[in-house]
Amino acid sequence: MSNINEEICSYITKEWLLPWINEGKSQSSFAAKHNIDESTVRKIKGRKEYRIPVETLHKICEARDLKLSDFFNIARL
């Protein structure tokens, strides 16, 4: 059985956060742009499992003009 929290965090990290950082932008600017705390970004990309709240995922998706259902479709979860 897959770990949905791990898959969500992995997708956000690989597809959105790392490209953001590779463009020379900061982790704190990612947090600000996506209406979350920087500590949440650290938890999402951290090695320890993070149980991402639906509210946090919703904020991130909202900042990207995505519905939650669209997120699950593009992330193939």
N, C-alpha and C. Protein backbone atom coordinates (compact mmCIF):
# COMPACT_ATOMS: atom_id res chain seq x y z
N MET A 1 0.84 -1.19 0.00
CA MET A 1 0.00 0.00 0.00
C MET A 1 0.89 1.24 0.00
N SER A 2 0.53 2.20 -0.82
CA SER A 2 1.34 3.41 -0.92
C SER A 2 1.00 4.38 0.22
N ASN A 3 1.95 5.26 0.48
CA ASN A 3 1.76 6.28 1.51
C ASN A 3 1.40 7.58 0.79
N ILE A 4 0.14 7.96 0.86
CA ILE A 4 -0.34 9.11 0.12
C ILE A 4 0.35 10.40 0.54
N ASN A 5 0.63 10.56 1.82
CA ASN A 5 1.32 11.78 2.28
C ASN A 5 2.71 11.88 1.67
N GLU A 6 3.41 10.76 1.65
CA GLU A 6 4.75 10.74 1.06
C GLU A 6 4.69 11.06 -0.43
N GLU A 7 3.71 10.51 -1.12
CA GLU A 7 3.58 10.75 -2.56
C GLU A 7 3.24 12.21 -2.86
N ILE A 8 2.36 12.79 -2.07
CA ILE A 8 2.00 14.20 -2.26
C ILE A 8 3.21 15.09 -2.03
N CYS A 9 3.90 14.88 -0.93
CA CYS A 9 5.08 15.70 -0.61
C CYS A 9 6.18 15.52 -1.65
N SER A 10 6.36 14.30 -2.08
CA SER A 10 7.38 14.02 -3.10
C SER A 10 7.05 14.74 -4.40
N TYR A 11 5.79 14.72 -4.81
CA TYR A 11 5.39 15.40 -6.04
C TYR A 11 5.62 16.90 -5.92
N ILE A 12 5.17 17.49 -4.82
CA ILE A 12 5.34 18.94 -4.64
C ILE A 12 6.81 19.30 -4.65
N THR A 13 7.63 18.51 -3.98
CA THR A 13 9.06 18.78 -3.92
C THR A 13 9.71 18.67 -5.29
N LYS A 14 9.49 17.57 -5.98
CA LYS A 14 10.15 17.32 -7.26
C LYS A 14 9.65 18.21 -8.39
N GLU A 15 8.34 18.40 -8.44
CA GLU A 15 7.75 19.10 -9.59
C GLU A 15 7.62 20.60 -9.41
N TRP A 16 7.52 21.06 -8.17
CA TRP A 16 7.28 22.48 -7.96
C TRP A 16 8.37 23.17 -7.15
N LEU A 17 8.78 22.57 -6.04
CA LEU A 17 9.74 23.25 -5.16
C LEU A 17 11.16 23.25 -5.74
N LEU A 18 11.66 22.09 -6.14
CA LEU A 18 13.03 22.04 -6.67
C LEU A 18 13.21 22.89 -7.93
N PRO A 19 12.27 22.85 -8.89
CA PRO A 19 12.42 23.76 -10.04
C PRO A 19 12.42 25.23 -9.62
N TRP A 20 11.62 25.56 -8.63
CA TRP A 20 11.56 26.93 -8.09
C TRP A 20 12.93 27.34 -7.57
N ILE A 21 13.52 26.46 -6.76
CA ILE A 21 14.84 26.73 -6.18
C ILE A 21 15.92 26.76 -7.25
N ASN A 22 15.81 25.87 -8.23
CA ASN A 22 16.80 25.84 -9.33
C ASN A 22 16.76 27.09 -10.19
N GLU A 23 15.65 27.82 -10.14
CA GLU A 23 15.56 29.11 -10.84
C GLU A 23 16.20 30.24 -10.03
N GLY A 24 16.76 29.89 -8.88
CA GLY A 24 17.42 30.89 -8.04
C GLY A 24 16.49 31.56 -7.04
N LYS A 25 15.30 31.04 -6.92
CA LYS A 25 14.34 31.60 -5.97
C LYS A 25 14.51 30.90 -4.63
N SER A 26 14.06 31.54 -3.59
CA SER A 26 14.25 30.99 -2.24
C SER A 26 13.06 30.14 -1.80
N GLN A 27 13.35 29.33 -0.82
CA GLN A 27 12.33 28.51 -0.18
C GLN A 27 11.28 29.40 0.49
N SER A 28 11.73 30.50 1.07
CA SER A 28 10.79 31.40 1.73
C SER A 28 9.89 32.11 0.71
N SER A 29 10.41 32.39 -0.48
CA SER A 29 9.55 33.01 -1.50
C SER A 29 8.53 32.00 -2.02
N PHE A 30 8.90 30.72 -2.07
CA PHE A 30 7.95 29.67 -2.45
C PHE A 30 6.82 29.64 -1.42
N ALA A 31 7.19 29.69 -0.15
CA ALA A 31 6.19 29.67 0.92
C ALA A 31 5.26 30.87 0.80
N ALA A 32 5.82 32.04 0.62
CA ALA A 32 5.00 33.26 0.52
C ALA A 32 4.07 33.20 -0.69
N LYS A 33 4.58 32.77 -1.81
CA LYS A 33 3.79 32.69 -3.05
C LYS A 33 2.64 31.69 -2.91
N HIS A 34 2.83 30.66 -2.09
CA HIS A 34 1.84 29.60 -1.96
C HIS A 34 1.04 29.69 -0.65
N ASN A 35 1.16 30.82 0.03
CA ASN A 35 0.36 31.10 1.23
C ASN A 35 0.55 30.08 2.35
N ILE A 36 1.79 29.63 2.53
CA ILE A 36 2.11 28.70 3.62
C ILE A 36 3.35 29.21 4.35
N ASP A 37 3.60 28.67 5.52
CA ASP A 37 4.79 29.05 6.28
C ASP A 37 6.02 28.35 5.71
N GLU A 38 7.17 28.99 5.86
CA GLU A 38 8.40 28.37 5.41
C GLU A 38 8.66 27.06 6.15
N SER A 39 8.26 26.99 7.40
CA SER A 39 8.45 25.74 8.15
C SER A 39 7.66 24.60 7.51
N THR A 40 6.54 24.92 6.90
CA THR A 40 5.75 23.91 6.20
C THR A 40 6.49 23.42 4.96
N VAL A 41 7.14 24.32 4.26
CA VAL A 41 7.94 23.93 3.09
C VAL A 41 9.04 22.97 3.53
N ARG A 42 9.70 23.27 4.64
CA ARG A 42 10.75 22.38 5.15
C ARG A 42 10.19 21.00 5.49
N LYS A 43 9.00 20.97 6.05
CA LYS A 43 8.37 19.68 6.37
C LYS A 43 8.02 18.91 5.10
N ILE A 44 7.52 19.60 4.10
CA ILE A 44 7.14 18.94 2.85
C ILE A 44 8.35 18.30 2.19
N LYS A 45 9.47 19.01 2.18
CA LYS A 45 10.65 18.48 1.50
C LYS A 45 11.55 17.64 2.41
N GLY A 46 11.22 17.59 3.69
CA GLY A 46 12.04 16.87 4.65
C GLY A 46 12.03 15.37 4.48
N ARG A 47 12.99 14.73 5.08
CA ARG A 47 13.11 13.27 5.01
C ARG A 47 12.11 12.57 5.93
N LYS A 48 11.72 13.25 6.99
CA LYS A 48 10.75 12.67 7.91
C LYS A 48 9.35 12.81 7.30
N GLU A 49 8.55 11.77 7.48
CA GLU A 49 7.20 11.80 6.91
C GLU A 49 6.40 12.97 7.47
N TYR A 50 5.73 13.66 6.58
CA TYR A 50 4.88 14.79 6.95
C TYR A 50 3.46 14.49 6.51
N ARG A 51 2.55 14.53 7.43
CA ARG A 51 1.13 14.32 7.13
C ARG A 51 0.55 15.66 6.71
N ILE A 52 0.60 15.92 5.43
CA ILE A 52 0.19 17.23 4.91
C ILE A 52 -1.32 17.41 5.07
N PRO A 53 -1.72 18.47 5.75
CA PRO A 53 -3.16 18.73 5.90
C PRO A 53 -3.80 19.09 4.56
N VAL A 54 -5.04 18.72 4.40
CA VAL A 54 -5.77 19.04 3.18
C VAL A 54 -5.80 20.56 2.99
N GLU A 55 -5.91 21.29 4.07
CA GLU A 55 -5.94 22.75 3.99
C GLU A 55 -4.65 23.30 3.38
N THR A 56 -3.52 22.71 3.75
CA THR A 56 -2.23 23.14 3.21
C THR A 56 -2.15 22.82 1.72
N LEU A 57 -2.54 21.62 1.36
CA LEU A 57 -2.55 21.24 -0.06
C LEU A 57 -3.48 22.16 -0.84
N HIS A 58 -4.62 22.48 -0.26
CA HIS A 58 -5.57 23.37 -0.92
C HIS A 58 -4.95 24.76 -1.15
N LYS A 59 -4.25 25.30 -0.16
CA LYS A 59 -3.60 26.61 -0.32
C LYS A 59 -2.58 26.59 -1.45
N ILE A 60 -1.78 25.53 -1.50
CA ILE A 60 -0.77 25.41 -2.54
C ILE A 60 -1.43 25.33 -3.92
N CYS A 61 -2.45 24.50 -4.01
CA CYS A 61 -3.16 24.35 -5.29
C CYS A 61 -3.85 25.66 -5.69
N GLU A 62 -4.46 26.31 -4.73
CA GLU A 62 -5.14 27.57 -5.01
C GLU A 62 -4.17 28.61 -5.57
N ALA A 63 -2.97 28.66 -5.02
CA ALA A 63 -1.96 29.61 -5.50
C ALA A 63 -1.52 29.29 -6.92
N ARG A 64 -1.74 28.05 -7.34
CA ARG A 64 -1.38 27.61 -8.69
C ARG A 64 -2.59 27.50 -9.60
N ASP A 65 -3.72 28.04 -9.14
CA ASP A 65 -4.98 27.97 -9.88
C ASP A 65 -5.37 26.54 -10.25
N LEU A 66 -5.19 25.65 -9.29
CA LEU A 66 -5.56 24.25 -9.47
C LEU A 66 -6.65 23.86 -8.48
N LYS A 67 -7.56 23.04 -8.92
CA LYS A 67 -8.51 22.42 -8.00
C LYS A 67 -7.79 21.23 -7.39
N LEU A 68 -8.22 20.83 -6.20
CA LEU A 68 -7.62 19.65 -5.58
C LEU A 68 -7.77 18.44 -6.49
N SER A 69 -8.91 18.30 -7.12
CA SER A 69 -9.11 17.16 -8.02
C SER A 69 -8.11 17.19 -9.18
N ASP A 70 -7.80 18.39 -9.67
CA ASP A 70 -6.81 18.51 -10.75
C ASP A 70 -5.42 18.11 -10.25
N PHE A 71 -5.10 18.47 -9.01
CA PHE A 71 -3.82 18.08 -8.45
C PHE A 71 -3.67 16.56 -8.46
N PHE A 72 -4.69 15.87 -7.98
CA PHE A 72 -4.61 14.42 -7.92
C PHE A 72 -4.53 13.79 -9.31
N ASN A 73 -5.14 14.45 -10.29
CA ASN A 73 -5.05 13.95 -11.67
C ASN A 73 -3.64 14.13 -12.24
N ILE A 74 -3.07 15.33 -12.07
CA ILE A 74 -1.75 15.57 -12.66
C ILE A 74 -0.65 14.83 -11.90
N ALA A 75 -0.85 14.66 -10.60
CA ALA A 75 0.14 13.94 -9.80
C ALA A 75 -0.06 12.42 -9.91
N ARG A 76 -1.15 12.04 -10.55
CA ARG A 76 -1.50 10.63 -10.75
C ARG A 76 -1.56 9.87 -9.43
N LEU A 77 -2.25 10.47 -8.47
CA LEU A 77 -2.42 9.85 -7.16
C LEU A 77 -3.83 9.34 -7.00
